[in-house]
Amino acid sequence: MNDNSTRPSVIENLGTLKIMNGTMTANSKQPPINTGTGDLIVENVTITHTGTSGQNVKQAITLHSGTLTIKGNSVLSANNSGAYGGYNRGVIQVISGTARILGGTITSATGPGIVNQASATLILGQKDGTAGNTTPIIRGKTYGVQTSGTGSTFNFYDGIVKGITGSISGTIADYENGASRVDATETIGTDTYYTTCYQ
C-alpha cells in the first residue's frame, strides 16, 4: 500500500483481524491501520509511514478501543510530527483500549514512539516473573513512551525504551516483582538517547 491522499486508512478494523508477515508503506495524513472495537494482531509485519511538510497525522497504527497486540519481529516506523487534541502523535497512538507490545521494534523519526492517552492501557512485554531488556525496542525522537492524561496506565515488563528528550514521559504503573529499573544513555548515530529498562 502506498498512498499520497488524505482518504481514510487502508485498513479499518472493527472486528477481529490478524495481519501476518509482509510490508506496508504509506505517505498520507491517515494511519495505514485504524482500529476500533475488536482485536487487531500484527505479527512479523513491517509498517513504514512517512509524510511531507504540513501533514500532522503520520502514526502507523491508531487504536481507538478494543485491543492491539504487536508480536514477533514486527518493525514499525513513522515520521510522526504534529499534535492532535493536545497529544503528540506516536508511531502507535493508543486513544483508548489496550495495546500489548510483546516484541518487535518501534521507531519514530520526529516524535514519540508510542503515545498512550487518557483511559488507555499500554503493556510492554508480559508479566511472567522475569524482566527482559532486549525486546520490544521502543525508540522516539522525543520520548520513547509518552503516557499522559487521567486514567492512562503503562505497565513495563520487558524491553527497552529510548528517547532523546527522555525515555518515558509519565508514570510506570507496574513492573516485574523484584526487578530493578536501569536508566542509562546510548548514542545512535549523532544522537544521544536516554534509555530505561528493567532487569
C-alpha atoms as a PDB file:
ATOM      1  CA  MET A   1       0.000   0.000   0.000  1.00  0.00           C
ATOM      2  CA  ASN A   2       1.396   3.372  -0.988  1.00  0.00           C
ATOM      3  CA  ASP A   3      -0.996   6.288  -0.561  1.00  0.00           C
ATOM      4  CA  ASN A   4      -0.395  10.019  -1.029  1.00  0.00           C
ATOM      5  CA  SER A   5      -4.001  11.044  -0.451  1.00  0.00           C
ATOM      6  CA  THR A   6      -5.965  12.137   2.595  1.00  0.00           C
ATOM      7  CA  ARG A   7      -8.508   9.352   2.252  1.00  0.00           C
ATOM      8  CA  PRO A   8      -9.345   7.069   5.207  1.00  0.00           C
ATOM      9  CA  SER A   9      -6.904   4.410   6.335  1.00  0.00           C
ATOM     10  CA  VAL A  10      -6.430   1.409   4.099  1.00  0.00           C
ATOM     11  CA  ILE A  11      -7.326  -0.965   6.939  1.00  0.00           C
ATOM     12  CA  GLU A  12     -10.264  -0.013   9.166  1.00  0.00           C
ATOM     13  CA  ASN A  13     -10.719  -2.764  11.730  1.00  0.00           C
ATOM     14  CA  LEU A  14     -13.886  -3.131  13.790  1.00  0.00           C
ATOM     15  CA  GLY A  15     -13.750  -6.879  14.329  1.00  0.00           C
ATOM     16  CA  THR A  16     -11.048  -9.492  14.817  1.00  0.00           C
ATOM     17  CA  LEU A  17      -8.109  -9.200  12.425  1.00  0.00           C
ATOM     18  CA  LYS A  18      -4.684 -10.836  12.341  1.00  0.00           C
ATOM     19  CA  ILE A  19      -2.042  -9.497   9.958  1.00  0.00           C
ATOM     20  CA  MET A  20       0.933 -11.814   9.491  1.00  0.00           C
ATOM     21  CA  ASN A  21       4.118 -11.195   7.506  1.00  0.00           C
ATOM     22  CA  GLY A  22       4.550  -8.707   4.667  1.00  0.00           C
ATOM     23  CA  THR A  23       5.186  -4.987   4.310  1.00  0.00           C
ATOM     24  CA  MET A  24       3.035  -1.848   4.296  1.00  0.00           C
ATOM     25  CA  THR A  25       4.199   1.646   3.325  1.00  0.00           C
ATOM     26  CA  ALA A  26       2.274   4.921   3.360  1.00  0.00           C
ATOM     27  CA  ASN A  27       2.757   8.628   2.730  1.00  0.00           C
ATOM     28  CA  SER A  28      -0.516  10.209   3.788  1.00  0.00           C
ATOM     29  CA  LYS A  29      -2.354  12.085   6.525  1.00  0.00           C
ATOM     30  CA  GLN A  30      -4.049   8.916   7.757  1.00  0.00           C
ATOM     31  CA  PRO A  31      -2.501   5.948   9.572  1.00  0.00           C
ATOM     32  CA  PRO A  32      -2.260   2.798   7.433  1.00  0.00           C
ATOM     33  CA  ILE A  33      -4.162   0.887  10.136  1.00  0.00           C
ATOM     34  CA  ASN A  34      -7.017   2.390  12.128  1.00  0.00           C
ATOM     35  CA  THR A  35      -8.613   0.018  14.609  1.00  0.00           C
ATOM     36  CA  GLY A  36     -11.663   0.463  16.806  1.00  0.00           C
ATOM     37  CA  THR A  37     -13.697  -2.104  18.689  1.00  0.00           C
ATOM     38  CA  GLY A  38     -12.434  -5.653  18.419  1.00  0.00           C
ATOM     39  CA  ASP A  39      -8.979  -7.199  18.275  1.00  0.00           C
ATOM     40  CA  LEU A  40      -6.024  -6.498  16.000  1.00  0.00           C
ATOM     41  CA  ILE A  41      -2.902  -8.703  15.995  1.00  0.00           C
ATOM     42  CA  VAL A  42       0.176  -7.673  13.996  1.00  0.00           C
ATOM     43  CA  GLU A  43       2.880 -10.324  13.726  1.00  0.00           C
ATOM     44  CA  ASN A  44       6.130 -10.157  11.734  1.00  0.00           C
ATOM     45  CA  VAL A  45       4.923  -7.168   9.689  1.00  0.00           C
ATOM     46  CA  THR A  46       6.936  -4.126   8.580  1.00  0.00           C
ATOM     47  CA  ILE A  47       4.918  -0.890   8.519  1.00  0.00           C
ATOM     48  CA  THR A  48       6.623   2.304   7.353  1.00  0.00           C
ATOM     49  CA  HIS A  49       4.757   5.615   7.345  1.00  0.00           C
ATOM     50  CA  THR A  50       6.437   8.744   6.010  1.00  0.00           C
ATOM     51  CA  GLY A  51       4.992  12.187   5.384  1.00  0.00           C
ATOM     52  CA  THR A  52       5.605  15.571   3.841  1.00  0.00           C
ATOM     53  CA  SER A  53       5.669  19.052   5.316  1.00  0.00           C
ATOM     54  CA  GLY A  54       2.316  20.122   6.709  1.00  0.00           C
ATOM     55  CA  GLN A  55       0.985  16.623   7.323  1.00  0.00           C
ATOM     56  CA  ASN A  56       0.334  16.144  11.030  1.00  0.00           C
ATOM     57  CA  VAL A  57      -1.048  12.601  11.083  1.00  0.00           C
ATOM     58  CA  LYS A  58       1.659  10.079  10.421  1.00  0.00           C
ATOM     59  CA  GLN A  59       1.344   7.323  13.005  1.00  0.00           C
ATOM     60  CA  ALA A  60       1.460   3.742  11.748  1.00  0.00           C
ATOM     61  CA  ILE A  61      -1.419   2.439  13.905  1.00  0.00           C
ATOM     62  CA  THR A  62      -4.168   4.223  15.816  1.00  0.00           C
ATOM     63  CA  LEU A  63      -6.107   2.242  18.445  1.00  0.00           C
ATOM     64  CA  HIS A  64      -9.464   3.797  19.331  1.00  0.00           C
ATOM     65  CA  SER A  65     -10.726   0.959  21.530  1.00  0.00           C
ATOM     66  CA  GLY A  66     -10.508  -2.811  21.784  1.00  0.00           C
ATOM     67  CA  THR A  67      -7.085  -4.449  21.812  1.00  0.00           C
ATOM     68  CA  LEU A  68      -3.914  -4.258  19.767  1.00  0.00           C
ATOM     69  CA  THR A  69      -1.153  -6.873  20.003  1.00  0.00           C
ATOM     70  CA  ILE A  70       2.258  -6.491  18.310  1.00  0.00           C
ATOM     71  CA  LYS A  71       4.207  -9.769  18.134  1.00  0.00           C
ATOM     72  CA  GLY A  72       7.294 -11.353  16.631  1.00  0.00           C
ATOM     73  CA  ASN A  73       9.796  -9.327  14.639  1.00  0.00           C
ATOM     74  CA  SER A  74       7.402  -6.582  13.560  1.00  0.00           C
ATOM     75  CA  VAL A  75       9.083  -3.290  12.624  1.00  0.00           C
ATOM     76  CA  LEU A  76       7.011  -0.092  12.778  1.00  0.00           C
ATOM     77  CA  SER A  77       8.357   3.351  11.932  1.00  0.00           C
ATOM     78  CA  ALA A  78       6.829   6.754  11.251  1.00  0.00           C
ATOM     79  CA  ASN A  79       7.640  10.391  10.602  1.00  0.00           C
ATOM     80  CA  ASN A  80       5.006  11.466  13.104  1.00  0.00           C
ATOM     81  CA  SER A  81       5.220  15.228  13.650  1.00  0.00           C
ATOM     82  CA  GLY A  82       2.446  17.470  14.884  1.00  0.00           C
ATOM     83  CA  ALA A  83      -0.133  17.075  17.608  1.00  0.00           C
ATOM     84  CA  TYR A  84      -3.819  16.355  17.959  1.00  0.00           C
ATOM     85  CA  GLY A  85      -6.025  17.147  20.943  1.00  0.00           C
ATOM     86  CA  GLY A  86      -3.010  18.194  22.990  1.00  0.00           C
ATOM     87  CA  TYR A  87      -1.182  14.884  22.425  1.00  0.00           C
ATOM     88  CA  ASN A  88       1.856  14.398  20.247  1.00  0.00           C
ATOM     89  CA  ARG A  89       1.442  11.711  17.629  1.00  0.00           C
ATOM     90  CA  GLY A  90       3.214   8.411  18.140  1.00  0.00           C
ATOM     91  CA  VAL A  91       4.108   5.578  15.789  1.00  0.00           C
ATOM     92  CA  ILE A  92       1.381   3.827  17.744  1.00  0.00           C
ATOM     93  CA  GLN A  93      -1.299   6.090  19.208  1.00  0.00           C
ATOM     94  CA  VAL A  94      -3.453   4.464  21.898  1.00  0.00           C
ATOM     95  CA  ILE A  95      -6.535   6.640  22.296  1.00  0.00           C
ATOM     96  CA  SER A  96      -8.410   4.065  24.365  1.00  0.00           C
ATOM     97  CA  GLY A  97      -8.364   0.311  24.769  1.00  0.00           C
ATOM     98  CA  THR A  98      -5.332  -1.876  25.472  1.00  0.00           C
ATOM     99  CA  ALA A  99      -2.104  -2.152  23.444  1.00  0.00           C
ATOM    100  CA  ARG A 100       0.174  -5.105  24.160  1.00  0.00           C
ATOM    101  CA  ILE A 101       3.649  -4.868  22.641  1.00  0.00           C
ATOM    102  CA  LEU A 102       5.228  -8.303  23.015  1.00  0.00           C
ATOM    103  CA  GLY A 103       8.067  -7.949  20.512  1.00  0.00           C
ATOM    104  CA  GLY A 104       9.483  -6.021  17.596  1.00  0.00           C
ATOM    105  CA  THR A 105      10.903  -2.535  17.063  1.00  0.00           C
ATOM    106  CA  ILE A 106       9.002   0.754  17.010  1.00  0.00           C
ATOM    107  CA  THR A 107      10.908   3.854  15.859  1.00  0.00           C
ATOM    108  CA  SER A 108       9.824   7.475  15.417  1.00  0.00           C
ATOM    109  CA  ALA A 109      11.787   9.888  13.238  1.00  0.00           C
ATOM    110  CA  THR A 110      10.273  13.050  14.714  1.00  0.00           C
ATOM    111  CA  GLY A 111       8.113  12.394  17.790  1.00  0.00           C
ATOM    112  CA  PRO A 112       7.314   9.811  20.468  1.00  0.00           C
ATOM    113  CA  GLY A 113       7.467   6.106  19.751  1.00  0.00           C
ATOM    114  CA  ILE A 114       4.165   5.309  21.471  1.00  0.00           C
ATOM    115  CA  VAL A 115       1.568   7.753  22.792  1.00  0.00           C
ATOM    116  CA  ASN A 116      -0.726   6.345  25.481  1.00  0.00           C
ATOM    117  CA  GLN A 117      -3.621   8.721  26.081  1.00  0.00           C
ATOM    118  CA  ALA A 118      -6.201   9.096  28.840  1.00  0.00           C
ATOM    119  CA  SER A 119      -8.166   5.929  29.683  1.00  0.00           C
ATOM    120  CA  ALA A 120      -5.822   3.762  27.581  1.00  0.00           C
ATOM    121  CA  THR A 121      -3.558   0.919  28.716  1.00  0.00           C
ATOM    122  CA  LEU A 122      -0.100   0.182  27.304  1.00  0.00           C
ATOM    123  CA  ILE A 123       1.698  -3.066  28.209  1.00  0.00           C
ATOM    124  CA  LEU A 124       5.301  -3.760  27.161  1.00  0.00           C
ATOM    125  CA  GLY A 125       6.139  -7.464  27.383  1.00  0.00           C
ATOM    126  CA  GLN A 126       4.312  -9.835  29.685  1.00  0.00           C
ATOM    127  CA  LYS A 127       4.369 -10.377  33.409  1.00  0.00           C
ATOM    128  CA  ASP A 128       5.921 -13.837  33.693  1.00  0.00           C
ATOM    129  CA  GLY A 129       8.336 -13.474  36.616  1.00  0.00           C
ATOM    130  CA  THR A 130      11.355 -12.402  34.536  1.00  0.00           C
ATOM    131  CA  ALA A 131      12.212  -8.948  33.201  1.00  0.00           C
ATOM    132  CA  GLY A 132      13.840  -8.970  29.757  1.00  0.00           C
ATOM    133  CA  ASN A 133      15.600  -5.956  28.230  1.00  0.00           C
ATOM    134  CA  THR A 134      16.106  -6.985  24.589  1.00  0.00           C
ATOM    135  CA  THR A 135      12.620  -6.874  23.061  1.00  0.00           C
ATOM    136  CA  PRO A 136      10.455  -4.961  22.380  1.00  0.00           C
ATOM    137  CA  ILE A 137      12.505  -1.881  21.462  1.00  0.00           C
ATOM    138  CA  ILE A 138      10.672   1.456  21.538  1.00  0.00           C
ATOM    139  CA  ARG A 139      12.613   4.493  20.288  1.00  0.00           C
ATOM    140  CA  GLY A 140      11.340   8.044  19.870  1.00  0.00           C
ATOM    141  CA  LYS A 141      12.919  11.257  18.669  1.00  0.00           C
ATOM    142  CA  THR A 142      11.303  12.928  21.687  1.00  0.00           C
ATOM    143  CA  TYR A 143      10.114  10.269  24.170  1.00  0.00           C
ATOM    144  CA  GLY A 144      10.107   6.535  23.672  1.00  0.00           C
ATOM    145  CA  VAL A 145       6.790   6.283  25.513  1.00  0.00           C
ATOM    146  CA  GLN A 146       4.591   9.276  26.256  1.00  0.00           C
ATOM    147  CA  THR A 147       1.856   8.423  28.759  1.00  0.00           C
ATOM    148  CA  SER A 148      -0.437  11.296  29.569  1.00  0.00           C
ATOM    149  CA  GLY A 149      -3.959  12.020  30.674  1.00  0.00           C
ATOM    150  CA  THR A 150      -6.106  10.943  33.600  1.00  0.00           C
ATOM    151  CA  GLY A 151      -6.706   7.216  33.711  1.00  0.00           C
ATOM    152  CA  SER A 152      -3.881   6.109  31.392  1.00  0.00           C
ATOM    153  CA  THR A 153      -1.900   3.037  32.507  1.00  0.00           C
ATOM    154  CA  PHE A 154       1.613   1.947  31.480  1.00  0.00           C
ATOM    155  CA  ASN A 155       2.888  -1.500  32.572  1.00  0.00           C
ATOM    156  CA  PHE A 156       6.546  -2.162  31.714  1.00  0.00           C
ATOM    157  CA  TYR A 157       7.613  -5.829  31.999  1.00  0.00           C
ATOM    158  CA  ASP A 158      10.052  -6.413  29.114  1.00  0.00           C
ATOM    159  CA  GLY A 159      12.036  -4.447  26.557  1.00  0.00           C
ATOM    160  CA  ILE A 160      13.877  -1.157  26.424  1.00  0.00           C
ATOM    161  CA  VAL A 161      12.548   2.366  25.860  1.00  0.00           C
ATOM    162  CA  LYS A 162      14.701   5.132  24.335  1.00  0.00           C
ATOM    163  CA  GLY A 163      14.154   8.858  23.731  1.00  0.00           C
ATOM    164  CA  ILE A 164      16.220  11.974  23.159  1.00  0.00           C
ATOM    165  CA  THR A 165      14.089  14.249  25.363  1.00  0.00           C
ATOM    166  CA  GLY A 166      13.622  11.412  27.836  1.00  0.00           C
ATOM    167  CA  SER A 167      12.941   7.713  27.706  1.00  0.00           C
ATOM    168  CA  ILE A 168       9.494   7.898  29.339  1.00  0.00           C
ATOM    169  CA  SER A 169       7.086  10.734  29.940  1.00  0.00           C
ATOM    170  CA  GLY A 170       4.579   9.688  32.581  1.00  0.00           C
ATOM    171  CA  THR A 171       4.315   7.043  35.282  1.00  0.00           C
ATOM    172  CA  ILE A 172       5.047   3.316  35.181  1.00  0.00           C
ATOM    173  CA  ALA A 173       2.163   1.583  36.950  1.00  0.00           C
ATOM    174  CA  ASP A 174       3.546  -1.954  37.182  1.00  0.00           C
ATOM    175  CA  TYR A 175       6.708  -3.979  36.502  1.00  0.00           C
ATOM    176  CA  GLU A 176       8.057  -7.440  37.338  1.00  0.00           C
ATOM    177  CA  ASN A 177       8.226  -8.191  41.058  1.00  0.00           C
ATOM    178  CA  GLY A 178      11.795  -7.801  42.281  1.00  0.00           C
ATOM    179  CA  ALA A 179      13.060  -6.190  39.052  1.00  0.00           C
ATOM    180  CA  SER A 180      15.249  -3.090  39.206  1.00  0.00           C
ATOM    181  CA  ARG A 181      14.870  -0.104  36.916  1.00  0.00           C
ATOM    182  CA  VAL A 182      18.016   0.757  34.945  1.00  0.00           C
ATOM    183  CA  ASP A 183      18.378   4.245  33.429  1.00  0.00           C
ATOM    184  CA  ALA A 184      21.297   4.959  31.104  1.00  0.00           C
ATOM    185  CA  THR A 185      22.216   6.676  27.826  1.00  0.00           C
ATOM    186  CA  GLU A 186      23.019   5.328  24.367  1.00  0.00           C
ATOM    187  CA  THR A 187      24.461   7.068  21.299  1.00  0.00           C
ATOM    188  CA  ILE A 188      22.810   6.168  17.986  1.00  0.00           C
ATOM    189  CA  GLY A 189      24.335   7.990  15.025  1.00  0.00           C
ATOM    190  CA  THR A 190      24.785  11.585  16.185  1.00  0.00           C
ATOM    191  CA  ASP A 191      22.002  11.457  18.789  1.00  0.00           C
ATOM    192  CA  THR A 192      22.207  10.576  22.473  1.00  0.00           C
ATOM    193  CA  TYR A 193      19.176   8.735  23.832  1.00  0.00           C
ATOM    194  CA  TYR A 194      18.045   8.282  27.399  1.00  0.00           C
ATOM    195  CA  THR A 195      17.199   4.623  27.944  1.00  0.00           C
ATOM    196  CA  THR A 196      15.116   2.719  30.502  1.00  0.00           C
ATOM    197  CA  CYS A 197      14.719  -0.999  31.072  1.00  0.00           C
ATOM    198  CA  TYR A 198      14.170  -3.438  33.937  1.00  0.00           C
ATOM    199  CA  GLN A 199      16.415  -6.329  34.901  1.00  0.00           C
END
